[in-house]
């Protein structure tokens, strides 16, 4: 059923849907609800890639979608054209890595792996000297501080995980065949739940400046956060390395 649905929705159509949703999400930062749905079509494109022997298939659609999204994040300012291209190339690697690993590890590898790779790449950017100029997915919801008080516990990039998980559930609800009501309900819960929970947390969430300060100066006045930093993307980065190593070993074994 999933295969039939993905053949019905051509890659160019999935690209258009995703590009519109992600761009609108970045442009509507006062109410960035669409950013939570925008990655679902990209997960569907990744489905088409894994069904072929060539893990590069449809990469151009993912790359173009992410370029459009990051260019929108820079408010389509031509001064940031190169930065948008570089970000698109970097985060396309999350989908390429998934497709490559799927060729080696098979159906045991779920779509959540893409989230690991994406968050791992965000952590790599955070550790690089140009972290201050980098765009993180969490930046799309940065203005909605009332939704993000729980980031005091997860770190700023916990919001990136929130966005990606909601999109993954939306993909499972809409793009895997006929409408899946249970996954649609889970999508709504994942979208609304953290925002509602924020109203019951008295702490102030971690913002981008506090994250950048910690990773630039190596210190923070925020006790627990100073010790753990961005725990979620750091953990995702290590898991990503392990998955890639396992896939490479499996690939080499198959060759023999």
C-alpha atoms as a PDB file:
ATOM      1  CA  UNK A   1       0.000   0.000   0.000  1.00  0.00           C
ATOM      2  CA  UNK A   2       2.799   2.396   0.882  1.00  0.00           C
ATOM      3  CA  UNK A   3       4.535   1.706  -2.379  1.00  0.00           C
ATOM      4  CA  UNK A   4       1.377   2.321  -4.377  1.00  0.00           C
ATOM      5  CA  UNK A   5       0.754   5.615  -2.600  1.00  0.00           C
ATOM      6  CA  UNK A   6       4.299   6.843  -3.160  1.00  0.00           C
ATOM      7  CA  UNK A   7       4.066   6.025  -6.879  1.00  0.00           C
ATOM      8  CA  UNK A   8       0.811   8.001  -7.074  1.00  0.00           C
ATOM      9  CA  UNK A   9       2.411  11.056  -5.508  1.00  0.00           C
ATOM     10  CA  UNK A  10       5.256  11.865  -7.862  1.00  0.00           C
ATOM     11  CA  UNK A  11       8.516  13.224  -6.390  1.00  0.00           C
ATOM     12  CA  UNK A  12       7.974  16.647  -7.954  1.00  0.00           C
ATOM     13  CA  UNK A  13       4.564  16.888  -6.278  1.00  0.00           C
ATOM     14  CA  UNK A  14       5.995  15.827  -2.910  1.00  0.00           C
ATOM     15  CA  UNK A  15       8.712  18.441  -3.437  1.00  0.00           C
ATOM     16  CA  UNK A  16       6.123  21.168  -4.054  1.00  0.00           C
ATOM     17  CA  UNK A  17       4.059  20.225  -1.009  1.00  0.00           C
ATOM     18  CA  UNK A  18       7.081  20.110   1.265  1.00  0.00           C
ATOM     19  CA  UNK A  19       8.651  23.305  -0.113  1.00  0.00           C
ATOM     20  CA  UNK A  20       5.396  25.232   0.379  1.00  0.00           C
ATOM     21  CA  UNK A  21       4.821  23.927   3.903  1.00  0.00           C
ATOM     22  CA  UNK A  22       8.399  24.485   5.076  1.00  0.00           C
ATOM     23  CA  UNK A  23       8.736  27.911   3.461  1.00  0.00           C
ATOM     24  CA  UNK A  24       5.410  29.046   4.912  1.00  0.00           C
ATOM     25  CA  UNK A  25       6.460  27.716   8.301  1.00  0.00           C
ATOM     26  CA  UNK A  26       9.669  29.743   8.243  1.00  0.00           C
ATOM     27  CA  UNK A  27       7.928  32.869   6.978  1.00  0.00           C
ATOM     28  CA  UNK A  28       5.106  32.651   9.554  1.00  0.00           C
ATOM     29  CA  UNK A  29       7.251  32.599  12.689  1.00  0.00           C
ATOM     30  CA  UNK A  30       4.502  34.236  14.715  1.00  0.00           C
ATOM     31  CA  UNK A  31       2.461  31.055  14.211  1.00  0.00           C
ATOM     32  CA  UNK A  32       4.769  28.466  12.584  1.00  0.00           C
ATOM     33  CA  UNK A  33       2.308  25.584  12.596  1.00  0.00           C
ATOM     34  CA  UNK A  34       3.112  24.446   9.041  1.00  0.00           C
ATOM     35  CA  UNK A  35       6.764  23.771   9.849  1.00  0.00           C
ATOM     36  CA  UNK A  36       5.581  20.774  11.886  1.00  0.00           C
ATOM     37  CA  UNK A  37       4.101  19.112   8.787  1.00  0.00           C
ATOM     38  CA  UNK A  38       6.619  20.081   6.135  1.00  0.00           C
ATOM     39  CA  UNK A  39       9.018  17.145   6.415  1.00  0.00           C
ATOM     40  CA  UNK A  40       6.339  14.491   5.886  1.00  0.00           C
ATOM     41  CA  UNK A  41       6.601  14.603   2.049  1.00  0.00           C
ATOM     42  CA  UNK A  42      10.392  14.299   2.327  1.00  0.00           C
ATOM     43  CA  UNK A  43       9.978  11.094   4.316  1.00  0.00           C
ATOM     44  CA  UNK A  44       7.790   9.864   1.443  1.00  0.00           C
ATOM     45  CA  UNK A  45      10.507  10.735  -1.073  1.00  0.00           C
ATOM     46  CA  UNK A  46      12.945   8.754   1.078  1.00  0.00           C
ATOM     47  CA  UNK A  47      10.570   5.791   0.702  1.00  0.00           C
ATOM     48  CA  UNK A  48      10.994   5.923  -3.062  1.00  0.00           C
ATOM     49  CA  UNK A  49      14.763   6.006  -2.721  1.00  0.00           C
ATOM     50  CA  UNK A  50      14.905   2.958  -0.462  1.00  0.00           C
ATOM     51  CA  UNK A  51      12.825   0.925  -2.927  1.00  0.00           C
ATOM     52  CA  UNK A  52      15.621   1.266  -5.506  1.00  0.00           C
ATOM     53  CA  UNK A  53      19.178  -0.030  -5.507  1.00  0.00           C
ATOM     54  CA  UNK A  54      20.507   3.497  -6.034  1.00  0.00           C
ATOM     55  CA  UNK A  55      20.357   5.467  -2.781  1.00  0.00           C
ATOM     56  CA  UNK A  56      20.966   8.701  -4.741  1.00  0.00           C
ATOM     57  CA  UNK A  57      17.553   8.534  -6.403  1.00  0.00           C
ATOM     58  CA  UNK A  58      15.409  11.679  -6.030  1.00  0.00           C
ATOM     59  CA  UNK A  59      18.178  13.390  -4.059  1.00  0.00           C
ATOM     60  CA  UNK A  60      17.722  16.478  -6.229  1.00  0.00           C
ATOM     61  CA  UNK A  61      14.137  16.897  -4.982  1.00  0.00           C
ATOM     62  CA  UNK A  62      15.212  16.698  -1.339  1.00  0.00           C
ATOM     63  CA  UNK A  63      18.084  19.095  -1.975  1.00  0.00           C
ATOM     64  CA  UNK A  64      15.864  21.596  -3.788  1.00  0.00           C
ATOM     65  CA  UNK A  65      13.213  21.395  -1.073  1.00  0.00           C
ATOM     66  CA  UNK A  66      15.718  22.042   1.692  1.00  0.00           C
ATOM     67  CA  UNK A  67      17.326  24.872  -0.258  1.00  0.00           C
ATOM     68  CA  UNK A  68      13.908  26.526  -0.627  1.00  0.00           C
ATOM     69  CA  UNK A  69      13.236  26.038   3.098  1.00  0.00           C
ATOM     70  CA  UNK A  70      16.565  27.453   4.260  1.00  0.00           C
ATOM     71  CA  UNK A  71      16.354  30.340   1.798  1.00  0.00           C
ATOM     72  CA  UNK A  72      12.956  31.113   3.339  1.00  0.00           C
ATOM     73  CA  UNK A  73      14.596  30.924   6.767  1.00  0.00           C
ATOM     74  CA  UNK A  74      16.902  33.700   5.542  1.00  0.00           C
ATOM     75  CA  UNK A  75      13.794  35.598   4.343  1.00  0.00           C
ATOM     76  CA  UNK A  76      14.877  35.021   0.714  1.00  0.00           C
ATOM     77  CA  UNK A  77      17.737  37.469   1.212  1.00  0.00           C
ATOM     78  CA  UNK A  78      20.159  36.978  -1.693  1.00  0.00           C
ATOM     79  CA  UNK A  79      23.058  37.848   0.614  1.00  0.00           C
ATOM     80  CA  UNK A  80      22.487  34.471   2.278  1.00  0.00           C
ATOM     81  CA  UNK A  81      22.109  32.463  -0.933  1.00  0.00           C
ATOM     82  CA  UNK A  82      25.375  30.542  -0.438  1.00  0.00           C
ATOM     83  CA  UNK A  83      24.518  29.821   3.195  1.00  0.00           C
ATOM     84  CA  UNK A  84      21.130  28.423   2.164  1.00  0.00           C
ATOM     85  CA  UNK A  85      22.796  26.177  -0.429  1.00  0.00           C
ATOM     86  CA  UNK A  86      25.339  24.907   2.096  1.00  0.00           C
ATOM     87  CA  UNK A  87      22.659  24.177   4.692  1.00  0.00           C
ATOM     88  CA  UNK A  88      20.613  22.316   2.090  1.00  0.00           C
ATOM     89  CA  UNK A  89      23.604  20.166   1.095  1.00  0.00           C
ATOM     90  CA  UNK A  90      24.475  19.407   4.721  1.00  0.00           C
ATOM     91  CA  UNK A  91      20.990  18.309   5.749  1.00  0.00           C
ATOM     92  CA  UNK A  92      20.355  16.362   2.550  1.00  0.00           C
ATOM     93  CA  UNK A  93      23.055  14.087   3.950  1.00  0.00           C
ATOM     94  CA  UNK A  94      20.567  12.967   6.629  1.00  0.00           C
ATOM     95  CA  UNK A  95      18.339  11.485   3.921  1.00  0.00           C
ATOM     96  CA  UNK A  96      21.237  10.092   1.907  1.00  0.00           C
ATOM     97  CA  UNK A  97      22.654   8.435   5.015  1.00  0.00           C
ATOM     98  CA  UNK A  98      19.275   6.834   5.705  1.00  0.00           C
ATOM     99  CA  UNK A  99      18.978   5.511   2.141  1.00  0.00           C
ATOM    100  CA  UNK A 100      22.524   4.155   2.223  1.00  0.00           C
ATOM    101  CA  UNK A 101      22.017   2.475   5.592  1.00  0.00           C
ATOM    102  CA  UNK A 102      18.704   1.016   4.444  1.00  0.00           C
ATOM    103  CA  UNK A 103      20.462  -0.698   1.532  1.00  0.00           C
ATOM    104  CA  UNK A 104      22.686  -2.471   4.067  1.00  0.00           C
ATOM    105  CA  UNK A 105      20.424  -2.971   7.088  1.00  0.00           C
ATOM    106  CA  UNK A 106      17.031  -3.390   5.409  1.00  0.00           C
ATOM    107  CA  UNK A 107      13.588  -2.929   6.937  1.00  0.00           C
ATOM    108  CA  UNK A 108      14.962  -2.995  10.471  1.00  0.00           C
ATOM    109  CA  UNK A 109      15.946   0.610   9.849  1.00  0.00           C
ATOM    110  CA  UNK A 110      12.983   2.898  10.590  1.00  0.00           C
ATOM    111  CA  UNK A 111      12.349   6.462   9.436  1.00  0.00           C
ATOM    112  CA  UNK A 112      13.279   7.699  12.899  1.00  0.00           C
ATOM    113  CA  UNK A 113      16.868   7.150  11.743  1.00  0.00           C
ATOM    114  CA  UNK A 114      16.547  10.265   9.568  1.00  0.00           C
ATOM    115  CA  UNK A 115      15.747  12.235  12.724  1.00  0.00           C
ATOM    116  CA  UNK A 116      18.896  10.881  14.402  1.00  0.00           C
ATOM    117  CA  UNK A 117      20.974  11.936  11.401  1.00  0.00           C
ATOM    118  CA  UNK A 118      19.354  15.379  11.207  1.00  0.00           C
ATOM    119  CA  UNK A 119      19.857  16.143  14.905  1.00  0.00           C
ATOM    120  CA  UNK A 120      23.394  14.769  14.725  1.00  0.00           C
ATOM    121  CA  UNK A 121      24.159  17.214  11.905  1.00  0.00           C
ATOM    122  CA  UNK A 122      22.687  20.066  13.946  1.00  0.00           C
ATOM    123  CA  UNK A 123      25.064  19.113  16.748  1.00  0.00           C
ATOM    124  CA  UNK A 124      28.005  19.136  14.335  1.00  0.00           C
ATOM    125  CA  UNK A 125      27.050  22.662  13.210  1.00  0.00           C
ATOM    126  CA  UNK A 126      26.776  23.700  16.843  1.00  0.00           C
ATOM    127  CA  UNK A 127      30.357  22.588  17.463  1.00  0.00           C
ATOM    128  CA  UNK A 128      31.768  24.467  14.469  1.00  0.00           C
ATOM    129  CA  UNK A 129      33.115  28.055  14.654  1.00  0.00           C
ATOM    130  CA  UNK A 130      30.324  29.459  12.433  1.00  0.00           C
ATOM    131  CA  UNK A 131      27.593  28.175  14.786  1.00  0.00           C
ATOM    132  CA  UNK A 132      26.287  31.712  15.235  1.00  0.00           C
ATOM    133  CA  UNK A 133      25.463  31.991  11.516  1.00  0.00           C
ATOM    134  CA  UNK A 134      23.957  28.507  11.301  1.00  0.00           C
ATOM    135  CA  UNK A 135      20.240  27.871  11.010  1.00  0.00           C
ATOM    136  CA  UNK A 136      18.714  25.237  13.278  1.00  0.00           C
ATOM    137  CA  UNK A 137      15.250  23.804  12.827  1.00  0.00           C
ATOM    138  CA  UNK A 138      14.334  24.987  16.320  1.00  0.00           C
ATOM    139  CA  UNK A 139      14.793  28.570  15.104  1.00  0.00           C
ATOM    140  CA  UNK A 140      11.490  28.259  13.225  1.00  0.00           C
ATOM    141  CA  UNK A 141       9.577  28.248  16.526  1.00  0.00           C
ATOM    142  CA  UNK A 142      11.932  30.486  18.503  1.00  0.00           C
ATOM    143  CA  UNK A 143       9.394  33.324  18.731  1.00  0.00           C
ATOM    144  CA  UNK A 144       6.858  31.064  20.442  1.00  0.00           C
ATOM    145  CA  UNK A 145       8.610  31.052  23.804  1.00  0.00           C
ATOM    146  CA  UNK A 146       5.324  30.222  25.538  1.00  0.00           C
ATOM    147  CA  UNK A 147       5.385  26.867  23.715  1.00  0.00           C
ATOM    148  CA  UNK A 148       8.956  26.035  24.703  1.00  0.00           C
ATOM    149  CA  UNK A 149       9.384  26.296  28.477  1.00  0.00           C
ATOM    150  CA  UNK A 150      10.161  22.558  28.555  1.00  0.00           C
ATOM    151  CA  UNK A 151      13.401  23.213  26.656  1.00  0.00           C
ATOM    152  CA  UNK A 152      14.837  24.098  30.065  1.00  0.00           C
ATOM    153  CA  UNK A 153      15.092  20.318  30.481  1.00  0.00           C
ATOM    154  CA  UNK A 154      15.778  19.197  26.898  1.00  0.00           C
ATOM    155  CA  UNK A 155      17.910  22.041  25.577  1.00  0.00           C
ATOM    156  CA  UNK A 156      17.073  24.439  22.761  1.00  0.00           C
ATOM    157  CA  UNK A 157      17.311  21.803  20.029  1.00  0.00           C
ATOM    158  CA  UNK A 158      14.650  19.743  21.736  1.00  0.00           C
ATOM    159  CA  UNK A 159      12.343  21.891  19.604  1.00  0.00           C
ATOM    160  CA  UNK A 160      14.011  20.456  16.472  1.00  0.00           C
ATOM    161  CA  UNK A 161      13.144  16.976  17.713  1.00  0.00           C
ATOM    162  CA  UNK A 162       9.552  18.097  18.339  1.00  0.00           C
ATOM    163  CA  UNK A 163       9.157  19.361  14.771  1.00  0.00           C
ATOM    164  CA  UNK A 164      10.684  16.265  13.183  1.00  0.00           C
ATOM    165  CA  UNK A 165       8.689  13.802  15.307  1.00  0.00           C
ATOM    166  CA  UNK A 166       5.428  15.564  14.452  1.00  0.00           C
ATOM    167  CA  UNK A 167       6.280  15.431  10.747  1.00  0.00           C
ATOM    168  CA  UNK A 168       7.160  11.743  11.003  1.00  0.00           C
ATOM    169  CA  UNK A 169       3.784  10.955  12.582  1.00  0.00           C
ATOM    170  CA  UNK A 170       2.024  13.049   9.926  1.00  0.00           C
ATOM    171  CA  UNK A 171       3.861  11.091   7.238  1.00  0.00           C
ATOM    172  CA  UNK A 172       2.684   7.813   8.810  1.00  0.00           C
ATOM    173  CA  UNK A 173      -0.875   9.174   8.951  1.00  0.00           C
ATOM    174  CA  UNK A 174      -1.105  10.551   5.404  1.00  0.00           C
ATOM    175  CA  UNK A 175       1.633   9.224   3.128  1.00  0.00           C
ATOM    176  CA  UNK A 176       1.639   5.480   3.844  1.00  0.00           C
ATOM    177  CA  UNK A 177      -1.521   4.595   1.947  1.00  0.00           C
ATOM    178  CA  UNK A 178      -5.040   5.464   3.000  1.00  0.00           C
ATOM    179  CA  UNK A 179      -5.612   7.842   5.901  1.00  0.00           C
ATOM    180  CA  UNK A 180      -4.423   6.295   9.175  1.00  0.00           C
ATOM    181  CA  UNK A 181      -6.634   7.726  11.930  1.00  0.00           C
ATOM    182  CA  UNK A 182      -4.592   6.490  14.940  1.00  0.00           C
ATOM    183  CA  UNK A 183      -1.422   8.108  13.572  1.00  0.00           C
ATOM    184  CA  UNK A 184      -3.370  11.271  12.747  1.00  0.00           C
ATOM    185  CA  UNK A 185      -4.502  11.439  16.379  1.00  0.00           C
ATOM    186  CA  UNK A 186      -0.906  10.890  17.501  1.00  0.00           C
ATOM    187  CA  UNK A 187       0.189  13.704  15.163  1.00  0.00           C
ATOM    188  CA  UNK A 188      -2.256  16.095  16.804  1.00  0.00           C
ATOM    189  CA  UNK A 189      -1.173  14.998  20.287  1.00  0.00           C
ATOM    190  CA  UNK A 190       2.522  15.400  19.388  1.00  0.00           C
ATOM    191  CA  UNK A 191       1.831  18.831  17.915  1.00  0.00           C
ATOM    192  CA  UNK A 192      -0.323  20.204  20.709  1.00  0.00           C
ATOM    193  CA  UNK A 193       0.959  18.281  23.736  1.00  0.00           C
ATOM    194  CA  UNK A 194       4.345  19.993  24.298  1.00  0.00           C
ATOM    195  CA  UNK A 195       2.832  23.446  23.702  1.00  0.00           C
ATOM    196  CA  UNK A 196       0.111  22.798  26.283  1.00  0.00           C
ATOM    197  CA  UNK A 197       2.590  21.300  28.743  1.00  0.00           C
ATOM    198  CA  UNK A 198       4.598  24.519  28.578  1.00  0.00           C
ATOM    199  CA  UNK A 199       1.812  26.389  30.325  1.00  0.00           C
ATOM    200  CA  UNK A 200       2.260  24.146  33.371  1.00  0.00           C
ATOM    201  CA  UNK A 201       6.040  24.628  33.600  1.00  0.00           C
ATOM    202  CA  UNK A 202       7.188  27.667  35.518  1.00  0.00           C
ATOM    203  CA  UNK A 203      10.752  27.626  34.132  1.00  0.00           C
ATOM    204  CA  UNK A 204      11.892  29.726  31.197  1.00  0.00           C
ATOM    205  CA  UNK A 205      12.978  27.727  28.182  1.00  0.00           C
ATOM    206  CA  UNK A 206      16.480  27.770  26.734  1.00  0.00           C
ATOM    207  CA  UNK A 207      16.815  30.242  23.884  1.00  0.00           C
ATOM    208  CA  UNK A 208      19.195  30.325  20.948  1.00  0.00           C
ATOM    209  CA  UNK A 209      21.493  32.955  22.467  1.00  0.00           C
ATOM    210  CA  UNK A 210      21.959  30.886  25.610  1.00  0.00           C
ATOM    211  CA  UNK A 211      22.793  27.820  23.545  1.00  0.00           C
ATOM    212  CA  UNK A 212      25.296  29.697  21.370  1.00  0.00           C
ATOM    213  CA  UNK A 213      26.900  31.275  24.445  1.00  0.00           C
ATOM    214  CA  UNK A 214      27.405  27.874  26.069  1.00  0.00           C
ATOM    215  CA  UNK A 215      29.048  26.367  23.006  1.00  0.00           C
ATOM    216  CA  UNK A 216      31.096  29.466  22.233  1.00  0.00           C
ATOM    217  CA  UNK A 217      32.356  30.290  25.723  1.00  0.00           C
ATOM    218  CA  UNK A 218      32.035  26.858  27.285  1.00  0.00           C
ATOM    219  CA  UNK A 219      30.042  28.155  30.219  1.00  0.00           C
ATOM    220  CA  UNK A 220      26.531  29.102  31.213  1.00  0.00           C
ATOM    221  CA  UNK A 221      24.776  30.529  34.234  1.00  0.00           C
ATOM    222  CA  UNK A 222      21.970  27.991  33.814  1.00  0.00           C
ATOM    223  CA  UNK A 223      23.111  25.293  36.242  1.00  0.00           C
ATOM    224  CA  UNK A 224      21.783  22.010  34.851  1.00  0.00           C
ATOM    225  CA  UNK A 225      21.978  23.195  31.247  1.00  0.00           C
ATOM    226  CA  UNK A 226      25.623  24.197  31.708  1.00  0.00           C
ATOM    227  CA  UNK A 227      26.390  20.586  32.658  1.00  0.00           C
ATOM    228  CA  UNK A 228      24.336  18.672  30.091  1.00  0.00           C
ATOM    229  CA  UNK A 229      24.259  21.151  27.189  1.00  0.00           C
ATOM    230  CA  UNK A 230      22.341  19.980  24.137  1.00  0.00           C
ATOM    231  CA  UNK A 231      21.913  16.405  25.286  1.00  0.00           C
ATOM    232  CA  UNK A 232      19.411  15.347  22.596  1.00  0.00           C
ATOM    233  CA  UNK A 233      21.448  16.207  19.461  1.00  0.00           C
ATOM    234  CA  UNK A 234      24.665  15.032  21.113  1.00  0.00           C
ATOM    235  CA  UNK A 235      23.097  11.639  21.800  1.00  0.00           C
ATOM    236  CA  UNK A 236      21.662  11.574  18.265  1.00  0.00           C
ATOM    237  CA  UNK A 237      25.134  12.254  16.848  1.00  0.00           C
ATOM    238  CA  UNK A 238      26.627   9.242  18.661  1.00  0.00           C
ATOM    239  CA  UNK A 239      23.734   6.999  17.628  1.00  0.00           C
ATOM    240  CA  UNK A 240      24.156   8.185  14.022  1.00  0.00           C
ATOM    241  CA  UNK A 241      27.829   7.234  14.063  1.00  0.00           C
ATOM    242  CA  UNK A 242      26.997   3.770  15.378  1.00  0.00           C
ATOM    243  CA  UNK A 243      24.308   3.224  12.723  1.00  0.00           C
ATOM    244  CA  UNK A 244      26.656   4.334   9.941  1.00  0.00           C
ATOM    245  CA  UNK A 245      29.465   2.094  11.200  1.00  0.00           C
ATOM    246  CA  UNK A 246      27.097  -0.870  11.368  1.00  0.00           C
ATOM    247  CA  UNK A 247      25.856  -0.142   7.845  1.00  0.00           C
ATOM    248  CA  UNK A 248      29.396   0.116   6.464  1.00  0.00           C
ATOM    249  CA  UNK A 249      30.413  -3.166   8.104  1.00  0.00           C
ATOM    250  CA  UNK A 250      27.274  -4.865   6.770  1.00  0.00           C
ATOM    251  CA  UNK A 251      27.903  -3.438   3.308  1.00  0.00           C
ATOM    252  CA  UNK A 252      31.466  -4.726   3.268  1.00  0.00           C
ATOM    253  CA  UNK A 253      30.285  -8.126   4.467  1.00  0.00           C
ATOM    254  CA  UNK A 254      27.772  -8.332   1.621  1.00  0.00           C
ATOM    255  CA  UNK A 255      30.525  -7.606  -0.897  1.00  0.00           C
ATOM    256  CA  UNK A 256      32.471 -10.620   0.324  1.00  0.00           C
END
